[in-house]
Amino acid sequence: MNTQAAQMLWQFGLSAIILCVIGLYCILVTYNLIRVLIGLEILIKAVTLLIIAVGYITGREALAQSLVITIIVIEVVLITVAVGVVLGIRSHNDSLDVRKIRNLKG
């Protein structure tokens, strides 16, 4: 690995770690379900960025691109289903607060 590739890995790796921390913080701290979904999106984008950077550095750009496209398709399906569940919860409880949803345990 040459110095330019190593420098790029550090830059993109640091960016991915920062995005991962932001996404985890968003998921763990908030009580709003929409913010949890946004945190999940940020976390998935961090993984996507890291896969692209590693694919470029190792020279396997085609494999990285195919993995990223697969991740994007899975992400869209996951978020679509999750938004449907959140809208169902919102219509049932008139709230998106996780603390009120915990009272539904039966």
N, C-alpha and C. Protein backbone atom coordinates (compact mmCIF):
# COMPACT_ATOMS: atom_id res chain seq x y z
N MET A 1 0.86 -1.17 0.00
CA MET A 1 0.00 0.00 0.00
C MET A 1 0.90 1.23 0.00
N ASN A 2 0.66 2.13 -0.94
CA ASN A 2 1.46 3.34 -0.99
C ASN A 2 0.95 4.38 0.00
N THR A 3 1.68 5.47 0.13
CA THR A 3 1.35 6.46 1.15
C THR A 3 0.05 7.19 0.84
N GLN A 4 -0.23 7.40 -0.45
CA GLN A 4 -1.48 8.07 -0.80
C GLN A 4 -2.69 7.21 -0.43
N ALA A 5 -2.60 5.91 -0.67
CA ALA A 5 -3.70 5.01 -0.31
C ALA A 5 -3.86 4.92 1.20
N ALA A 6 -2.74 4.89 1.92
CA ALA A 6 -2.81 4.85 3.38
C ALA A 6 -3.43 6.12 3.94
N GLN A 7 -3.08 7.26 3.35
CA GLN A 7 -3.65 8.53 3.81
C GLN A 7 -5.15 8.58 3.52
N MET A 8 -5.53 8.08 2.36
CA MET A 8 -6.95 8.05 2.03
C MET A 8 -7.73 7.13 2.96
N LEU A 9 -7.13 5.97 3.29
CA LEU A 9 -7.79 5.06 4.22
C LEU A 9 -7.99 5.71 5.58
N TRP A 10 -6.98 6.44 6.04
CA TRP A 10 -7.13 7.13 7.32
C TRP A 10 -8.23 8.18 7.27
N GLN A 11 -8.29 8.94 6.18
CA GLN A 11 -9.32 9.98 6.07
C GLN A 11 -10.72 9.39 6.01
N PHE A 12 -10.90 8.43 5.12
CA PHE A 12 -12.22 7.83 5.00
C PHE A 12 -12.56 6.97 6.21
N GLY A 13 -11.57 6.31 6.78
CA GLY A 13 -11.80 5.52 7.98
C GLY A 13 -12.22 6.37 9.16
N LEU A 14 -11.55 7.52 9.31
CA LEU A 14 -11.92 8.44 10.39
C LEU A 14 -13.32 9.01 10.17
N SER A 15 -13.63 9.33 8.92
CA SER A 15 -14.98 9.82 8.60
C SER A 15 -16.04 8.76 8.90
N ALA A 16 -15.74 7.51 8.55
CA ALA A 16 -16.69 6.43 8.81
C ALA A 16 -16.87 6.21 10.30
N ILE A 17 -15.79 6.30 11.06
CA ILE A 17 -15.89 6.13 12.52
C ILE A 17 -16.71 7.25 13.13
N ILE A 18 -16.49 8.49 12.67
CA ILE A 18 -17.27 9.62 13.19
C ILE A 18 -18.76 9.44 12.85
N LEU A 19 -19.06 9.04 11.62
CA LEU A 19 -20.46 8.79 11.25
C LEU A 19 -21.07 7.66 12.06
N CYS A 20 -20.28 6.63 12.33
CA CYS A 20 -20.76 5.50 13.13
C CYS A 20 -21.09 5.94 14.56
N VAL A 21 -20.24 6.77 15.13
CA VAL A 21 -20.49 7.27 16.48
C VAL A 21 -21.74 8.15 16.51
N ILE A 22 -21.89 9.00 15.50
CA ILE A 22 -23.08 9.85 15.43
C ILE A 22 -24.35 9.01 15.29
N GLY A 23 -24.30 7.99 14.44
CA GLY A 23 -25.46 7.12 14.26
C GLY A 23 -25.82 6.35 15.52
N LEU A 24 -24.81 5.80 16.19
CA LEU A 24 -25.07 5.08 17.44
C LEU A 24 -25.61 6.02 18.51
N TYR A 25 -25.07 7.23 18.59
CA TYR A 25 -25.56 8.21 19.55
C TYR A 25 -27.02 8.54 19.27
N CYS A 26 -27.35 8.71 17.99
CA CYS A 26 -28.72 9.01 17.60
C CYS A 26 -29.67 7.87 17.99
N ILE A 27 -29.22 6.64 17.83
CA ILE A 27 -30.07 5.49 18.14
C ILE A 27 -30.24 5.32 19.64
N LEU A 28 -29.18 5.48 20.39
CA LEU A 28 -29.21 5.15 21.81
C LEU A 28 -29.78 6.26 22.70
N VAL A 29 -29.68 7.51 22.30
CA VAL A 29 -30.03 8.60 23.21
C VAL A 29 -31.46 9.09 23.03
N THR A 30 -31.97 9.08 21.83
CA THR A 30 -33.26 9.70 21.57
C THR A 30 -34.43 8.78 21.93
N TYR A 31 -35.57 9.41 22.14
CA TYR A 31 -36.79 8.67 22.40
C TYR A 31 -37.77 8.74 21.24
N ASN A 32 -37.42 9.48 20.20
CA ASN A 32 -38.28 9.64 19.03
C ASN A 32 -37.93 8.56 18.00
N LEU A 33 -38.94 7.86 17.50
CA LEU A 33 -38.70 6.77 16.56
C LEU A 33 -38.17 7.24 15.21
N ILE A 34 -38.57 8.42 14.76
CA ILE A 34 -38.06 8.95 13.49
C ILE A 34 -36.57 9.24 13.62
N ARG A 35 -36.15 9.78 14.74
CA ARG A 35 -34.72 10.04 14.95
C ARG A 35 -33.93 8.74 15.04
N VAL A 36 -34.54 7.70 15.55
CA VAL A 36 -33.87 6.39 15.58
C VAL A 36 -33.65 5.89 14.16
N LEU A 37 -34.63 6.07 13.30
CA LEU A 37 -34.47 5.66 11.90
C LEU A 37 -33.41 6.50 11.19
N ILE A 38 -33.33 7.78 11.50
CA ILE A 38 -32.28 8.62 10.92
C ILE A 38 -30.91 8.17 11.40
N GLY A 39 -30.80 7.81 12.68
CA GLY A 39 -29.54 7.29 13.20
C GLY A 39 -29.14 5.99 12.52
N LEU A 40 -30.12 5.14 12.23
CA LEU A 40 -29.85 3.90 11.52
C LEU A 40 -29.36 4.18 10.10
N GLU A 41 -29.94 5.17 9.44
CA GLU A 41 -29.49 5.56 8.11
C GLU A 41 -28.04 6.05 8.15
N ILE A 42 -27.70 6.87 9.13
CA ILE A 42 -26.33 7.38 9.25
C ILE A 42 -25.36 6.23 9.49
N LEU A 43 -25.75 5.28 10.31
CA LEU A 43 -24.89 4.13 10.60
C LEU A 43 -24.66 3.30 9.34
N ILE A 44 -25.68 3.09 8.55
CA ILE A 44 -25.52 2.32 7.32
C ILE A 44 -24.67 3.09 6.31
N LYS A 45 -24.79 4.40 6.26
CA LYS A 45 -23.96 5.20 5.36
C LYS A 45 -22.49 5.12 5.77
N ALA A 46 -22.20 5.03 7.07
CA ALA A 46 -20.82 4.88 7.52
C ALA A 46 -20.23 3.57 7.03
N VAL A 47 -21.00 2.51 7.12
CA VAL A 47 -20.53 1.20 6.64
C VAL A 47 -20.33 1.24 5.13
N THR A 48 -21.22 1.89 4.42
CA THR A 48 -21.10 2.00 2.97
C THR A 48 -19.83 2.77 2.58
N LEU A 49 -19.56 3.86 3.27
CA LEU A 49 -18.35 4.64 3.01
C LEU A 49 -17.10 3.82 3.26
N LEU A 50 -17.08 3.05 4.31
CA LEU A 50 -15.92 2.23 4.62
C LEU A 50 -15.71 1.13 3.59
N ILE A 51 -16.78 0.53 3.11
CA ILE A 51 -16.66 -0.51 2.08
C ILE A 51 -16.12 0.08 0.78
N ILE A 52 -16.58 1.26 0.42
CA ILE A 52 -16.07 1.91 -0.80
C ILE A 52 -14.59 2.22 -0.66
N ALA A 53 -14.17 2.76 0.48
CA ALA A 53 -12.76 3.10 0.68
C ALA A 53 -11.87 1.87 0.64
N VAL A 54 -12.28 0.81 1.32
CA VAL A 54 -11.48 -0.42 1.33
C VAL A 54 -11.44 -1.06 -0.06
N GLY A 55 -12.53 -1.02 -0.79
CA GLY A 55 -12.55 -1.55 -2.14
C GLY A 55 -11.62 -0.79 -3.08
N TYR A 56 -11.55 0.52 -2.92
CA TYR A 56 -10.65 1.31 -3.75
C TYR A 56 -9.19 1.03 -3.41
N ILE A 57 -8.90 0.92 -2.14
CA ILE A 57 -7.51 0.72 -1.72
C ILE A 57 -7.01 -0.67 -2.08
N THR A 58 -7.85 -1.68 -1.94
CA THR A 58 -7.42 -3.04 -2.27
C THR A 58 -7.47 -3.34 -3.75
N GLY A 59 -8.08 -2.47 -4.53
CA GLY A 59 -8.16 -2.68 -5.97
C GLY A 59 -9.34 -3.51 -6.40
N ARG A 60 -10.24 -3.78 -5.51
CA ARG A 60 -11.43 -4.57 -5.84
C ARG A 60 -12.66 -3.66 -5.88
N GLU A 61 -12.60 -2.70 -6.79
CA GLU A 61 -13.67 -1.71 -6.86
C GLU A 61 -14.98 -2.31 -7.34
N ALA A 62 -14.92 -3.29 -8.22
CA ALA A 62 -16.15 -3.91 -8.72
C ALA A 62 -16.88 -4.66 -7.61
N LEU A 63 -16.13 -5.38 -6.78
CA LEU A 63 -16.74 -6.08 -5.66
C LEU A 63 -17.32 -5.09 -4.66
N ALA A 64 -16.60 -4.00 -4.39
CA ALA A 64 -17.10 -2.99 -3.46
C ALA A 64 -18.37 -2.33 -3.99
N GLN A 65 -18.40 -2.06 -5.29
CA GLN A 65 -19.60 -1.45 -5.87
C GLN A 65 -20.80 -2.38 -5.79
N SER A 66 -20.58 -3.66 -6.05
CA SER A 66 -21.71 -4.59 -5.98
C SER A 66 -22.20 -4.75 -4.54
N LEU A 67 -21.29 -4.75 -3.59
CA LEU A 67 -21.70 -4.83 -2.19
C LEU A 67 -22.47 -3.58 -1.77
N VAL A 68 -22.00 -2.42 -2.21
CA VAL A 68 -22.68 -1.17 -1.85
C VAL A 68 -24.07 -1.10 -2.47
N ILE A 69 -24.22 -1.53 -3.71
CA ILE A 69 -25.54 -1.53 -4.33
C ILE A 69 -26.48 -2.48 -3.59
N THR A 70 -25.97 -3.63 -3.18
CA THR A 70 -26.78 -4.58 -2.41
C THR A 70 -27.19 -3.98 -1.07
N ILE A 71 -26.25 -3.30 -0.41
CA ILE A 71 -26.56 -2.66 0.87
C ILE A 71 -27.61 -1.57 0.70
N ILE A 72 -27.51 -0.81 -0.38
CA ILE A 72 -28.49 0.27 -0.61
C ILE A 72 -29.88 -0.31 -0.84
N VAL A 73 -29.99 -1.38 -1.59
CA VAL A 73 -31.30 -2.00 -1.83
C VAL A 73 -31.89 -2.53 -0.53
N ILE A 74 -31.07 -3.22 0.26
CA ILE A 74 -31.55 -3.74 1.54
C ILE A 74 -31.94 -2.61 2.47
N GLU A 75 -31.17 -1.53 2.45
CA GLU A 75 -31.45 -0.37 3.30
C GLU A 75 -32.79 0.27 2.95
N VAL A 76 -33.07 0.41 1.68
CA VAL A 76 -34.33 1.01 1.25
C VAL A 76 -35.52 0.16 1.69
N VAL A 77 -35.42 -1.14 1.54
CA VAL A 77 -36.49 -2.04 1.97
C VAL A 77 -36.67 -1.96 3.49
N LEU A 78 -35.57 -1.99 4.21
CA LEU A 78 -35.62 -1.93 5.67
C LEU A 78 -36.25 -0.64 6.17
N ILE A 79 -35.83 0.48 5.62
CA ILE A 79 -36.37 1.76 6.07
C ILE A 79 -37.84 1.91 5.66
N THR A 80 -38.22 1.40 4.51
CA THR A 80 -39.62 1.47 4.09
C THR A 80 -40.52 0.69 5.05
N VAL A 81 -40.10 -0.51 5.40
CA VAL A 81 -40.88 -1.30 6.35
C VAL A 81 -40.89 -0.64 7.73
N ALA A 82 -39.76 -0.10 8.16
CA ALA A 82 -39.68 0.54 9.47
C ALA A 82 -40.55 1.79 9.53
N VAL A 83 -40.58 2.57 8.45
CA VAL A 83 -41.45 3.76 8.43
C VAL A 83 -42.92 3.34 8.47
N GLY A 84 -43.26 2.25 7.82
CA GLY A 84 -44.64 1.74 7.91
C GLY A 84 -45.01 1.34 9.32
N VAL A 85 -44.09 0.68 10.02
CA VAL A 85 -44.33 0.30 11.41
C VAL A 85 -44.46 1.53 12.29
N VAL A 86 -43.59 2.51 12.07
CA VAL A 86 -43.64 3.74 12.87
C VAL A 86 -44.93 4.50 12.62
N LEU A 87 -45.39 4.55 11.38
CA LEU A 87 -46.67 5.21 11.10
C LEU A 87 -47.83 4.46 11.75
N GLY A 88 -47.78 3.14 11.78
CA GLY A 88 -48.80 2.36 12.48
C GLY A 88 -48.80 2.64 13.98
N ILE A 89 -47.62 2.73 14.56
CA ILE A 89 -47.51 3.07 15.98
C ILE A 89 -48.03 4.47 16.23
N ARG A 90 -47.73 5.39 15.33
CA ARG A 90 -48.18 6.78 15.48
C ARG A 90 -49.71 6.87 15.41
N SER A 91 -50.31 6.12 14.52
CA SER A 91 -51.77 6.17 14.42
C SER A 91 -52.45 5.49 15.60
N HIS A 92 -51.78 4.53 16.21
CA HIS A 92 -52.36 3.82 17.34
C HIS A 92 -52.18 4.58 18.65
N ASN A 93 -51.02 5.23 18.83
CA ASN A 93 -50.71 5.87 20.11
C ASN A 93 -50.77 7.39 20.08
N ASP A 94 -50.86 8.00 18.92
CA ASP A 94 -50.77 9.46 18.77
C ASP A 94 -49.46 10.01 19.31
N SER A 95 -48.42 9.22 19.28
CA SER A 95 -47.11 9.65 19.75
C SER A 95 -46.03 8.77 19.14
N LEU A 96 -44.83 9.32 19.01
CA LEU A 96 -43.69 8.55 18.55
C LEU A 96 -42.67 8.34 19.67
N ASP A 97 -43.09 8.59 20.89
CA ASP A 97 -42.20 8.46 22.04
C ASP A 97 -42.06 6.98 22.42
N VAL A 98 -40.81 6.54 22.54
CA VAL A 98 -40.54 5.14 22.85
C VAL A 98 -41.03 4.78 24.25
N ARG A 99 -40.99 5.73 25.17
CA ARG A 99 -41.41 5.45 26.56
C ARG A 99 -42.90 5.10 26.63
N LYS A 100 -43.71 5.69 25.75
CA LYS A 100 -45.13 5.36 25.74
C LYS A 100 -45.39 4.03 25.06
N ILE A 101 -44.53 3.64 24.15
CA ILE A 101 -44.69 2.35 23.46
C ILE A 101 -44.35 1.21 24.41
N ARG A 102 -43.44 1.43 25.31
CA ARG A 102 -43.07 0.39 26.27
C ARG A 102 -44.24 -0.02 27.15
N ASN A 103 -45.23 0.84 27.29
CA ASN A 103 -46.41 0.51 28.10
C ASN A 103 -47.33 -0.48 27.41
N LEU A 104 -47.09 -0.79 26.16
CA LEU A 104 -47.95 -1.71 25.41
C LEU A 104 -47.60 -3.18 25.64
N LYS A 105 -46.57 -3.44 26.44
CA LYS A 105 -46.19 -4.83 26.69
C LYS A 105 -47.37 -5.56 27.31
N GLY A 106 -47.63 -6.76 26.82
CA GLY A 106 -48.83 -7.38 27.31
C GLY A 106 -48.65 -8.77 27.68
